[in-house]
């Protein structure tokens, strides 16, 4: 789960470096605390840099930037995430096919 949330945060930051933690939390459907924790972890690992806006009236506004290491990690997590989703898709497709055969073999499925 941590990789999934990290990937989502990295993707949003890459698309909109000026995004606030509150906006990230709303977009991801998680708490502000979780976003803060995640960002601190990503910054601590050197994947994201946070800089204060120089021209901002809000001194607490940050610009979040993916580092080269962050871009590499995002690509790596994306591949892993895609592989997992493809396996899930294949399993679901097989289950649907089995259910369709079961319904066909039992008539229309109504009793």
PDB file of N, CA and C in Angstrom:
ATOM      1  N   UNK A   1       0.827  -1.195   0.000  1.00  0.00           N
ATOM      2  CA  UNK A   1       0.000   0.000   0.000  1.00  0.00           C
ATOM      3  C   UNK A   1       0.867   1.252   0.000  1.00  0.00           C
ATOM      4  N   UNK A   2       1.974   1.238   0.745  1.00  0.00           N
ATOM      5  CA  UNK A   2       2.846   2.406   0.776  1.00  0.00           C
ATOM      6  C   UNK A   2       3.363   2.747  -0.612  1.00  0.00           C
ATOM      7  N   UNK A   3       3.726   1.734  -1.386  1.00  0.00           N
ATOM      8  CA  UNK A   3       4.217   2.003  -2.742  1.00  0.00           C
ATOM      9  C   UNK A   3       3.131   2.649  -3.587  1.00  0.00           C
ATOM     10  N   UNK A   4       1.907   2.183  -3.427  1.00  0.00           N
ATOM     11  CA  UNK A   4       0.810   2.740  -4.216  1.00  0.00           C
ATOM     12  C   UNK A   4       0.585   4.213  -3.873  1.00  0.00           C
ATOM     13  N   UNK A   5       0.566   4.546  -2.601  1.00  0.00           N
ATOM     14  CA  UNK A   5       0.364   5.944  -2.207  1.00  0.00           C
ATOM     15  C   UNK A   5       1.567   6.785  -2.612  1.00  0.00           C
ATOM     16  N   UNK A   6       2.766   6.232  -2.501  1.00  0.00           N
ATOM     17  CA  UNK A   6       3.957   6.962  -2.935  1.00  0.00           C
ATOM     18  C   UNK A   6       3.880   7.244  -4.432  1.00  0.00           C
ATOM     19  N   UNK A   7       3.467   6.257  -5.208  1.00  0.00           N
ATOM     20  CA  UNK A   7       3.334   6.455  -6.646  1.00  0.00           C
ATOM     21  C   UNK A   7       2.326   7.554  -6.947  1.00  0.00           C
ATOM     22  N   UNK A   8       1.190   7.519  -6.275  1.00  0.00           N
ATOM     23  CA  UNK A   8       0.171   8.539  -6.518  1.00  0.00           C
ATOM     24  C   UNK A   8       0.675   9.926  -6.148  1.00  0.00           C
ATOM     25  N   UNK A   9       1.371  10.032  -5.032  1.00  0.00           N
ATOM     26  CA  UNK A   9       1.920  11.327  -4.622  1.00  0.00           C
ATOM     27  C   UNK A   9       2.952  11.798  -5.645  1.00  0.00           C
ATOM     28  N   UNK A  10       3.850  10.917  -6.057  1.00  0.00           N
ATOM     29  CA  UNK A  10       4.868  11.286  -7.037  1.00  0.00           C
ATOM     30  C   UNK A  10       4.233  11.738  -8.352  1.00  0.00           C
ATOM     31  N   UNK A  11       3.195  11.050  -8.779  1.00  0.00           N
ATOM     32  CA  UNK A  11       2.518  11.427 -10.025  1.00  0.00           C
ATOM     33  C   UNK A  11       1.867  12.797  -9.910  1.00  0.00           C
ATOM     34  N   UNK A  12       1.193  13.047  -8.798  1.00  0.00           N
ATOM     35  CA  UNK A  12       0.537  14.348  -8.616  1.00  0.00           C
ATOM     36  C   UNK A  12       1.562  15.474  -8.513  1.00  0.00           C
ATOM     37  N   UNK A  13       2.648  15.232  -7.821  1.00  0.00           N
ATOM     38  CA  UNK A  13       3.693  16.251  -7.689  1.00  0.00           C
ATOM     39  C   UNK A  13       4.310  16.556  -9.045  1.00  0.00           C
ATOM     40  N   UNK A  14       4.541  15.521  -9.822  1.00  0.00           N
ATOM     41  CA  UNK A  14       5.128  15.731 -11.148  1.00  0.00           C
ATOM     42  C   UNK A  14       4.187  16.574 -12.018  1.00  0.00           C
ATOM     43  N   UNK A  15       2.883  16.313 -11.922  1.00  0.00           N
ATOM     44  CA  UNK A  15       1.893  17.052 -12.715  1.00  0.00           C
ATOM     45  C   UNK A  15       1.710  18.477 -12.204  1.00  0.00           C
ATOM     46  N   UNK A  16       1.780  18.669 -10.878  1.00  0.00           N
ATOM     47  CA  UNK A  16       1.499  19.967 -10.288  1.00  0.00           C
ATOM     48  C   UNK A  16       2.401  20.196  -9.071  1.00  0.00           C
ATOM     49  N   UNK A  17       3.618  20.712  -9.300  1.00  0.00           N
ATOM     50  CA  UNK A  17       4.566  20.911  -8.194  1.00  0.00           C
ATOM     51  C   UNK A  17       4.071  21.886  -7.121  1.00  0.00           C
ATOM     52  N   UNK A  18       3.101  22.715  -7.458  1.00  0.00           N
ATOM     53  CA  UNK A  18       2.598  23.707  -6.502  1.00  0.00           C
ATOM     54  C   UNK A  18       1.439  23.175  -5.654  1.00  0.00           C
ATOM     55  N   UNK A  19       1.107  21.898  -5.824  1.00  0.00           N
ATOM     56  CA  UNK A  19      -0.021  21.312  -5.092  1.00  0.00           C
ATOM     57  C   UNK A  19       0.251  21.379  -3.581  1.00  0.00           C
ATOM     58  N   UNK A  20      -0.794  21.654  -2.831  1.00  0.00           N
ATOM     59  CA  UNK A  20      -0.650  21.685  -1.372  1.00  0.00           C
ATOM     60  C   UNK A  20      -0.886  20.292  -0.801  1.00  0.00           C
ATOM     61  N   UNK A  21      -0.461  20.116   0.426  1.00  0.00           N
ATOM     62  CA  UNK A  21      -0.703  18.838   1.088  1.00  0.00           C
ATOM     63  C   UNK A  21      -2.204  18.597   1.239  1.00  0.00           C
ATOM     64  N   UNK A  22      -2.942  19.635   1.513  1.00  0.00           N
ATOM     65  CA  UNK A  22      -4.394  19.508   1.662  1.00  0.00           C
ATOM     66  C   UNK A  22      -5.036  19.066   0.340  1.00  0.00           C
ATOM     67  N   UNK A  23      -4.589  19.655  -0.773  1.00  0.00           N
ATOM     68  CA  UNK A  23      -5.109  19.259  -2.084  1.00  0.00           C
ATOM     69  C   UNK A  23      -4.743  17.816  -2.405  1.00  0.00           C
ATOM     70  N   UNK A  24      -3.518  17.434  -2.068  1.00  0.00           N
ATOM     71  CA  UNK A  24      -3.095  16.041  -2.275  1.00  0.00           C
ATOM     72  C   UNK A  24      -3.976  15.086  -1.487  1.00  0.00           C
ATOM     73  N   UNK A  25      -4.227  15.420  -0.232  1.00  0.00           N
ATOM     74  CA  UNK A  25      -5.060  14.571   0.621  1.00  0.00           C
ATOM     75  C   UNK A  25      -6.449  14.414   0.014  1.00  0.00           C
ATOM     76  N   UNK A  26      -7.022  15.502  -0.476  1.00  0.00           N
ATOM     77  CA  UNK A  26      -8.359  15.439  -1.078  1.00  0.00           C
ATOM     78  C   UNK A  26      -8.351  14.587  -2.339  1.00  0.00           C
ATOM     79  N   UNK A  27      -7.362  14.785  -3.201  1.00  0.00           N
ATOM     80  CA  UNK A  27      -7.286  14.022  -4.454  1.00  0.00           C
ATOM     81  C   UNK A  27      -7.074  12.529  -4.214  1.00  0.00           C
ATOM     82  N   UNK A  28      -6.313  12.208  -3.178  1.00  0.00           N
ATOM     83  CA  UNK A  28      -5.987  10.810  -2.900  1.00  0.00           C
ATOM     84  C   UNK A  28      -6.995  10.141  -1.972  1.00  0.00           C
ATOM     85  N   UNK A  29      -7.831  10.944  -1.339  1.00  0.00           N
ATOM     86  CA  UNK A  29      -8.817  10.379  -0.420  1.00  0.00           C
ATOM     87  C   UNK A  29      -8.191   9.838   0.855  1.00  0.00           C
ATOM     88  N   UNK A  30      -7.132  10.500   1.307  1.00  0.00           N
ATOM     89  CA  UNK A  30      -6.463  10.096   2.540  1.00  0.00           C
ATOM     90  C   UNK A  30      -6.366  11.309   3.463  1.00  0.00           C
ATOM     91  N   UNK A  31      -5.934  11.074   4.684  1.00  0.00           N
ATOM     92  CA  UNK A  31      -5.845  12.163   5.650  1.00  0.00           C
ATOM     93  C   UNK A  31      -4.657  13.073   5.330  1.00  0.00           C
ATOM     94  N   UNK A  32      -4.752  14.286   5.810  1.00  0.00           N
ATOM     95  CA  UNK A  32      -3.661  15.246   5.668  1.00  0.00           C
ATOM     96  C   UNK A  32      -2.409  14.718   6.364  1.00  0.00           C
ATOM     97  N   UNK A  33      -2.582  14.076   7.504  1.00  0.00           N
ATOM     98  CA  UNK A  33      -1.455  13.496   8.228  1.00  0.00           C
ATOM     99  C   UNK A  33      -0.734  12.437   7.414  1.00  0.00           C
ATOM    100  N   UNK A  34      -1.498  11.608   6.698  1.00  0.00           N
ATOM    101  CA  UNK A  34      -0.886  10.554   5.875  1.00  0.00           C
ATOM    102  C   UNK A  34      -0.071  11.172   4.745  1.00  0.00           C
ATOM    103  N   UNK A  35      -0.606  12.232   4.122  1.00  0.00           N
ATOM    104  CA  UNK A  35       0.126  12.914   3.055  1.00  0.00           C
ATOM    105  C   UNK A  35       1.406  13.520   3.619  1.00  0.00           C
ATOM    106  N   UNK A  36       1.314  14.158   4.773  1.00  0.00           N
ATOM    107  CA  UNK A  36       2.480  14.769   5.404  1.00  0.00           C
ATOM    108  C   UNK A  36       3.537  13.711   5.698  1.00  0.00           C
ATOM    109  N   UNK A  37       3.113  12.587   6.256  1.00  0.00           N
ATOM    110  CA  UNK A  37       4.017  11.475   6.572  1.00  0.00           C
ATOM    111  C   UNK A  37       4.689  10.954   5.298  1.00  0.00           C
ATOM    112  N   UNK A  38       3.893  10.787   4.254  1.00  0.00           N
ATOM    113  CA  UNK A  38       4.395  10.269   2.983  1.00  0.00           C
ATOM    114  C   UNK A  38       5.403  11.242   2.368  1.00  0.00           C
ATOM    115  N   UNK A  39       5.056  12.521   2.352  1.00  0.00           N
ATOM    116  CA  UNK A  39       5.972  13.516   1.787  1.00  0.00           C
ATOM    117  C   UNK A  39       7.288  13.561   2.564  1.00  0.00           C
ATOM    118  N   UNK A  40       7.210  13.489   3.879  1.00  0.00           N
ATOM    119  CA  UNK A  40       8.440  13.485   4.684  1.00  0.00           C
ATOM    120  C   UNK A  40       9.300  12.273   4.336  1.00  0.00           C
ATOM    121  N   UNK A  41       8.656  11.125   4.136  1.00  0.00           N
ATOM    122  CA  UNK A  41       9.396   9.917   3.771  1.00  0.00           C
ATOM    123  C   UNK A  41      10.044  10.078   2.398  1.00  0.00           C
ATOM    124  N   UNK A  42       9.306  10.632   1.439  1.00  0.00           N
ATOM    125  CA  UNK A  42       9.842  10.815   0.090  1.00  0.00           C
ATOM    126  C   UNK A  42      10.984  11.839   0.090  1.00  0.00           C
ATOM    127  N   UNK A  43      10.833  12.887   0.876  1.00  0.00           N
ATOM    128  CA  UNK A  43      11.892  13.892   0.996  1.00  0.00           C
ATOM    129  C   UNK A  43      13.108  13.270   1.686  1.00  0.00           C
ATOM    130  N   UNK A  44      12.872  12.497   2.737  1.00  0.00           N
ATOM    131  CA  UNK A  44      13.953  11.836   3.463  1.00  0.00           C
ATOM    132  C   UNK A  44      14.738  10.860   2.607  1.00  0.00           C
ATOM    133  N   UNK A  45      14.082  10.243   1.653  1.00  0.00           N
ATOM    134  CA  UNK A  45      14.751   9.292   0.748  1.00  0.00           C
ATOM    135  C   UNK A  45      15.402   9.993  -0.439  1.00  0.00           C
ATOM    136  N   UNK A  46      15.243  11.307  -0.510  1.00  0.00           N
ATOM    137  CA  UNK A  46      15.851  12.055  -1.607  1.00  0.00           C
ATOM    138  C   UNK A  46      15.082  11.953  -2.909  1.00  0.00           C
ATOM    139  N   UNK A  47      13.806  11.591  -2.832  1.00  0.00           N
ATOM    140  CA  UNK A  47      12.994  11.450  -4.045  1.00  0.00           C
ATOM    141  C   UNK A  47      12.274  12.739  -4.415  1.00  0.00           C
ATOM    142  N   UNK A  48      12.065  13.588  -3.408  1.00  0.00           N
ATOM    143  CA  UNK A  48      11.350  14.849  -3.595  1.00  0.00           C
ATOM    144  C   UNK A  48      12.100  15.942  -2.855  1.00  0.00           C
ATOM    145  N   UNK A  49      12.132  17.123  -3.471  1.00  0.00           N
ATOM    146  CA  UNK A  49      12.658  18.313  -2.802  1.00  0.00           C
ATOM    147  C   UNK A  49      11.480  19.236  -2.547  1.00  0.00           C
ATOM    148  N   UNK A  50      11.511  19.909  -1.399  1.00  0.00           N
ATOM    149  CA  UNK A  50      10.471  20.890  -1.072  1.00  0.00           C
ATOM    150  C   UNK A  50      11.148  22.241  -0.918  1.00  0.00           C
ATOM    151  N   UNK A  51      10.615  23.209  -1.646  1.00  0.00           N
ATOM    152  CA  UNK A  51      11.164  24.565  -1.564  1.00  0.00           C
ATOM    153  C   UNK A  51      10.031  25.529  -1.281  1.00  0.00           C
ATOM    154  N   UNK A  52      10.328  26.523  -0.450  1.00  0.00           N
ATOM    155  CA  UNK A  52       9.353  27.578  -0.199  1.00  0.00           C
ATOM    156  C   UNK A  52       9.208  28.433  -1.454  1.00  0.00           C
ATOM    157  N   UNK A  53       7.973  28.874  -1.700  1.00  0.00           N
ATOM    158  CA  UNK A  53       7.763  29.836  -2.770  1.00  0.00           C
ATOM    159  C   UNK A  53       8.419  31.140  -2.377  1.00  0.00           C
ATOM    160  N   UNK A  54       9.205  31.702  -3.225  1.00  0.00           N
ATOM    161  CA  UNK A  54       9.830  32.996  -2.927  1.00  0.00           C
ATOM    162  C   UNK A  54       8.822  34.138  -3.065  1.00  0.00           C
ATOM    163  N   UNK A  55       7.932  34.037  -4.031  1.00  0.00           N
ATOM    164  CA  UNK A  55       7.007  35.128  -4.314  1.00  0.00           C
ATOM    165  C   UNK A  55       5.634  34.901  -3.710  1.00  0.00           C
ATOM    166  N   UNK A  56       5.542  33.984  -2.817  1.00  0.00           N
ATOM    167  CA  UNK A  56       4.250  33.658  -2.246  1.00  0.00           C
ATOM    168  C   UNK A  56       3.966  34.504  -1.014  1.00  0.00           C
ATOM    169  N   UNK A  57       2.716  34.946  -0.891  1.00  0.00           N
ATOM    170  CA  UNK A  57       2.290  35.641   0.325  1.00  0.00           C
ATOM    171  C   UNK A  57       2.193  34.652   1.485  1.00  0.00           C
ATOM    172  N   UNK A  58       1.922  33.401   1.129  1.00  0.00           N
ATOM    173  CA  UNK A  58       1.811  32.341   2.124  1.00  0.00           C
ATOM    174  C   UNK A  58       3.199  31.729   2.320  1.00  0.00           C
ATOM    175  N   UNK A  59       3.853  32.056   3.402  1.00  0.00           N
ATOM    176  CA  UNK A  59       5.221  31.583   3.643  1.00  0.00           C
ATOM    177  C   UNK A  59       5.285  30.076   3.858  1.00  0.00           C
ATOM    178  N   UNK A  60       4.128  29.447   4.053  1.00  0.00           N
ATOM    179  CA  UNK A  60       4.101  28.000   4.261  1.00  0.00           C
ATOM    180  C   UNK A  60       3.854  27.254   2.955  1.00  0.00           C
ATOM    181  N   UNK A  61       3.762  27.981   1.838  1.00  0.00           N
ATOM    182  CA  UNK A  61       3.526  27.337   0.541  1.00  0.00           C
ATOM    183  C   UNK A  61       4.833  26.728   0.033  1.00  0.00           C
ATOM    184  N   UNK A  62       4.743  25.519  -0.474  1.00  0.00           N
ATOM    185  CA  UNK A  62       5.921  24.823  -0.959  1.00  0.00           C
ATOM    186  C   UNK A  62       5.766  24.453  -2.425  1.00  0.00           C
ATOM    187  N   UNK A  63       6.895  24.326  -3.061  1.00  0.00           N
ATOM    188  CA  UNK A  63       6.987  23.793  -4.404  1.00  0.00           C
ATOM    189  C   UNK A  63       7.655  22.434  -4.250  1.00  0.00           C
ATOM    190  N   UNK A  64       6.988  21.379  -4.679  1.00  0.00           N
ATOM    191  CA  UNK A  64       7.534  20.029  -4.553  1.00  0.00           C
ATOM    192  C   UNK A  64       8.091  19.602  -5.900  1.00  0.00           C
ATOM    193  N   UNK A  65       9.325  19.163  -5.900  1.00  0.00           N
ATOM    194  CA  UNK A  65       9.992  18.772  -7.133  1.00  0.00           C
ATOM    195  C   UNK A  65      10.526  17.352  -7.023  1.00  0.00           C
ATOM    196  N   UNK A  66      10.293  16.558  -8.055  1.00  0.00           N
ATOM    197  CA  UNK A  66      10.879  15.224  -8.105  1.00  0.00           C
ATOM    198  C   UNK A  66      12.356  15.366  -8.437  1.00  0.00           C
ATOM    199  N   UNK A  67      13.175  14.672  -7.706  1.00  0.00           N
ATOM    200  CA  UNK A  67      14.606  14.635  -7.999  1.00  0.00           C
ATOM    201  C   UNK A  67      14.825  13.592  -9.096  1.00  0.00           C
ATOM    202  N   UNK A  68      16.008  13.567  -9.702  1.00  0.00           N
ATOM    203  CA  UNK A  68      16.286  12.489 -10.671  1.00  0.00           C
ATOM    204  C   UNK A  68      16.060  11.108 -10.047  1.00  0.00           C
ATOM    205  N   UNK A  69      16.467  10.958  -8.795  1.00  0.00           N
ATOM    206  CA  UNK A  69      16.243   9.691  -8.087  1.00  0.00           C
ATOM    207  C   UNK A  69      14.743   9.432  -7.934  1.00  0.00           C
ATOM    208  N   UNK A  70      13.977  10.496  -7.690  1.00  0.00           N
ATOM    209  CA  UNK A  70      12.524  10.385  -7.571  1.00  0.00           C
ATOM    210  C   UNK A  70      11.880   9.955  -8.873  1.00  0.00           C
ATOM    211  N   UNK A  71      12.380  10.484  -9.986  1.00  0.00           N
ATOM    212  CA  UNK A  71      11.848  10.096 -11.298  1.00  0.00           C
ATOM    213  C   UNK A  71      12.128   8.628 -11.581  1.00  0.00           C
ATOM    214  N   UNK A  72      13.340   8.179 -11.229  1.00  0.00           N
ATOM    215  CA  UNK A  72      13.694   6.766 -11.410  1.00  0.00           C
ATOM    216  C   UNK A  72      12.796   5.877 -10.553  1.00  0.00           C
ATOM    217  N   UNK A  73      12.603   6.277  -9.307  1.00  0.00           N
ATOM    218  CA  UNK A  73      11.785   5.484  -8.384  1.00  0.00           C
ATOM    219  C   UNK A  73      10.338   5.443  -8.855  1.00  0.00           C
ATOM    220  N   UNK A  74       9.821   6.566  -9.343  1.00  0.00           N
ATOM    221  CA  UNK A  74       8.460   6.619  -9.859  1.00  0.00           C
ATOM    222  C   UNK A  74       8.304   5.637 -11.023  1.00  0.00           C
ATOM    223  N   UNK A  75       9.279   5.611 -11.919  1.00  0.00           N
ATOM    224  CA  UNK A  75       9.231   4.686 -13.059  1.00  0.00           C
ATOM    225  C   UNK A  75       9.254   3.236 -12.575  1.00  0.00           C
ATOM    226  N   UNK A  76      10.111   2.953 -11.592  1.00  0.00           N
ATOM    227  CA  UNK A  76      10.219   1.597 -11.052  1.00  0.00           C
ATOM    228  C   UNK A  76       8.917   1.161 -10.374  1.00  0.00           C
ATOM    229  N   UNK A  77       8.353   2.042  -9.559  1.00  0.00           N
ATOM    230  CA  UNK A  77       7.096   1.717  -8.874  1.00  0.00           C
ATOM    231  C   UNK A  77       5.980   1.543  -9.896  1.00  0.00           C
ATOM    232  N   UNK A  78       5.989   2.366 -10.949  1.00  0.00           N
ATOM    233  CA  UNK A  78       4.957   2.271 -11.983  1.00  0.00           C
ATOM    234  C   UNK A  78       4.988   0.899 -12.645  1.00  0.00           C
ATOM    235  N   UNK A  79       6.175   0.412 -12.965  1.00  0.00           N
ATOM    236  CA  UNK A  79       6.308  -0.910 -13.596  1.00  0.00           C
ATOM    237  C   UNK A  79       5.781  -1.996 -12.660  1.00  0.00           C
ATOM    238  N   UNK A  80       6.175  -1.950 -11.406  1.00  0.00           N
ATOM    239  CA  UNK A  80       5.718  -2.940 -10.419  1.00  0.00           C
ATOM    240  C   UNK A  80       4.206  -2.879 -10.252  1.00  0.00           C
ATOM    241  N   UNK A  81       3.669  -1.665 -10.146  1.00  0.00           N
ATOM    242  CA  UNK A  81       2.238  -1.464  -9.979  1.00  0.00           C
ATOM    243  C   UNK A  81       1.479  -1.994 -11.199  1.00  0.00           C
ATOM    244  N   UNK A  82       1.978  -1.687 -12.397  1.00  0.00           N
ATOM    245  CA  UNK A  82       1.337  -2.160 -13.631  1.00  0.00           C
ATOM    246  C   UNK A  82       1.354  -3.686 -13.704  1.00  0.00           C
ATOM    247  N   UNK A  83       2.467  -4.302 -13.349  1.00  0.00           N
ATOM    248  CA  UNK A  83       2.552  -5.766 -13.364  1.00  0.00           C
ATOM    249  C   UNK A  83       1.538  -6.381 -12.412  1.00  0.00           C
ATOM    250  N   UNK A  84       1.403  -5.808 -11.210  1.00  0.00           N
ATOM    251  CA  UNK A  84       0.440  -6.321 -10.242  1.00  0.00           C
ATOM    252  C   UNK A  84      -0.985  -6.162 -10.761  1.00  0.00           C
ATOM    253  N   UNK A  85      -1.297  -5.012 -11.326  1.00  0.00           N
ATOM    254  CA  UNK A  85      -2.641  -4.766 -11.848  1.00  0.00           C
ATOM    255  C   UNK A  85      -2.952  -5.682 -13.028  1.00  0.00           C
ATOM    256  N   UNK A  86      -1.962  -5.981 -13.848  1.00  0.00           N
ATOM    257  CA  UNK A  86      -2.164  -6.905 -14.973  1.00  0.00           C
ATOM    258  C   UNK A  86      -2.469  -8.314 -14.471  1.00  0.00           C
ATOM    259  N   UNK A  87      -1.772  -8.745 -13.398  1.00  0.00           N
ATOM    260  CA  UNK A  87      -2.061 -10.062 -12.809  1.00  0.00           C
ATOM    261  C   UNK A  87      -3.482 -10.081 -12.247  1.00  0.00           C
ATOM    262  N   UNK A  88      -3.851  -9.001 -11.542  1.00  0.00           N
ATOM    263  CA  UNK A  88      -5.208  -8.907 -10.985  1.00  0.00           C
ATOM    264  C   UNK A  88      -6.250  -8.937 -12.100  1.00  0.00           C
ATOM    265  N   UNK A  89      -5.976  -8.225 -13.184  1.00  0.00           N
ATOM    266  CA  UNK A  89      -6.884  -8.197 -14.327  1.00  0.00           C
ATOM    267  C   UNK A  89      -7.039  -9.591 -14.921  1.00  0.00           C
ATOM    268  N   UNK A  90      -5.931 -10.281 -15.101  1.00  0.00           N
ATOM    269  CA  UNK A  90      -5.972 -11.622 -15.686  1.00  0.00           C
ATOM    270  C   UNK A  90      -6.757 -12.588 -14.792  1.00  0.00           C
ATOM    271  N   UNK A  91      -6.536 -12.523 -13.484  1.00  0.00           N
ATOM    272  CA  UNK A  91      -7.283 -13.370 -12.554  1.00  0.00           C
ATOM    273  C   UNK A  91      -8.774 -13.060 -12.594  1.00  0.00           C
ATOM    274  N   UNK A  92      -9.102 -11.794 -12.641  1.00  0.00           N
ATOM    275  CA  UNK A  92     -10.506 -11.381 -12.713  1.00  0.00           C
ATOM    276  C   UNK A  92     -11.136 -11.821 -14.033  1.00  0.00           C
ATOM    277  N   UNK A  93     -10.401 -11.681 -15.133  1.00  0.00           N
ATOM    278  CA  UNK A  93     -10.909 -12.110 -16.437  1.00  0.00           C
ATOM    279  C   UNK A  93     -11.213 -13.611 -16.433  1.00  0.00           C
ATOM    280  N   UNK A  94     -10.302 -14.394 -15.850  1.00  0.00           N
ATOM    281  CA  UNK A  94     -10.517 -15.842 -15.776  1.00  0.00           C
ATOM    282  C   UNK A  94     -11.734 -16.175 -14.912  1.00  0.00           C
ATOM    283  N   UNK A  95     -11.889 -15.488 -13.805  1.00  0.00           N
ATOM    284  CA  UNK A  95     -13.038 -15.715 -12.923  1.00  0.00           C
ATOM    285  C   UNK A  95     -14.343 -15.375 -13.640  1.00  0.00           C
ATOM    286  N   UNK A  96     -14.344 -14.301 -14.386  1.00  0.00           N
ATOM    287  CA  UNK A  96     -15.544 -13.907 -15.138  1.00  0.00           C
ATOM    288  C   UNK A  96     -15.880 -14.965 -16.186  1.00  0.00           C
ATOM    289  N   UNK A  97     -14.871 -15.453 -16.888  1.00  0.00           N
ATOM    290  CA  UNK A  97     -15.104 -16.504 -17.888  1.00  0.00           C
ATOM    291  C   UNK A  97     -15.685 -17.756 -17.242  1.00  0.00           C
ATOM    292  N   UNK A  98     -15.171 -18.143 -16.081  1.00  0.00           N
ATOM    293  CA  UNK A  98     -15.690 -19.316 -15.369  1.00  0.00           C
ATOM    294  C   UNK A  98     -17.148 -19.107 -14.956  1.00  0.00           C
ATOM    295  N   UNK A  99     -17.448 -17.927 -14.464  1.00  0.00           N
ATOM    296  CA  UNK A  99     -18.830 -17.622 -14.061  1.00  0.00           C
ATOM    297  C   UNK A  99     -19.766 -17.622 -15.268  1.00  0.00           C
ATOM    298  N   UNK A 100     -19.287 -17.087 -16.393  1.00  0.00           N
ATOM    299  CA  UNK A 100     -20.113 -17.091 -17.604  1.00  0.00           C
ATOM    300  C   UNK A 100     -20.395 -18.513 -18.070  1.00  0.00           C
ATOM    301  N   UNK A 101     -19.386 -19.389 -18.028  1.00  0.00           N
ATOM    302  CA  UNK A 101     -19.589 -20.793 -18.409  1.00  0.00           C
ATOM    303  C   UNK A 101     -20.580 -21.467 -17.461  1.00  0.00           C
ATOM    304  N   UNK A 102     -20.460 -21.170 -16.176  1.00  0.00           N
ATOM    305  CA  UNK A 102     -21.358 -21.738 -15.178  1.00  0.00           C
ATOM    306  C   UNK A 102     -22.800 -21.316 -15.452  1.00  0.00           C
ATOM    307  N   UNK A 103     -22.993 -20.056 -15.755  1.00  0.00           N
ATOM    308  CA  UNK A 103     -24.341 -19.552 -16.053  1.00  0.00           C
ATOM    309  C   UNK A 103     -24.872 -20.206 -17.323  1.00  0.00           C
ATOM    310  N   UNK A 104     -24.040 -20.323 -18.350  1.00  0.00           N
ATOM    311  CA  UNK A 104     -24.461 -20.946 -19.604  1.00  0.00           C
ATOM    312  C   UNK A 104     -24.818 -22.415 -19.394  1.00  0.00           C
ATOM    313  N   UNK A 105     -24.058 -23.129 -18.561  1.00  0.00           N
ATOM    314  CA  UNK A 105     -24.307 -24.544 -18.307  1.00  0.00           C
ATOM    315  C   UNK A 105     -25.557 -24.779 -17.463  1.00  0.00           C
ATOM    316  N   UNK A 106     -25.928 -23.789 -16.685  1.00  0.00           N
ATOM    317  CA  UNK A 106     -27.105 -23.909 -15.822  1.00  0.00           C
ATOM    318  C   UNK A 106     -28.305 -23.165 -16.387  1.00  0.00           C
ATOM    319  N   UNK A 107     -28.299 -22.890 -17.634  1.00  0.00           N
ATOM    320  CA  UNK A 107     -29.405 -22.119 -18.214  1.00  0.00           C
ATOM    321  C   UNK A 107     -29.106 -20.647 -18.035  1.00  0.00           C
ATOM    322  N   UNK A 108     -30.113 -19.899 -17.724  1.00  0.00           N
ATOM    323  CA  UNK A 108     -29.912 -18.451 -17.581  1.00  0.00           C
ATOM    324  C   UNK A 108     -29.576 -18.043 -16.156  1.00  0.00           C
ATOM    325  N   UNK A 109     -29.413 -18.998 -15.268  1.00  0.00           N
ATOM    326  CA  UNK A 109     -29.024 -18.690 -13.893  1.00  0.00           C
ATOM    327  C   UNK A 109     -30.175 -18.406 -12.971  1.00  0.00           C
ATOM    328  N   UNK A 110     -31.404 -18.346 -13.502  1.00  0.00           N
ATOM    329  CA  UNK A 110     -32.569 -18.073 -12.645  1.00  0.00           C
ATOM    330  C   UNK A 110     -33.156 -19.377 -12.134  1.00  0.00           C
ATOM    331  N   UNK A 111     -33.699 -19.354 -10.963  1.00  0.00           N
ATOM    332  CA  UNK A 111     -34.321 -20.559 -10.406  1.00  0.00           C
ATOM    333  C   UNK A 111     -35.801 -20.398 -10.286  1.00  0.00           C
TER     334      UNK A 111
END
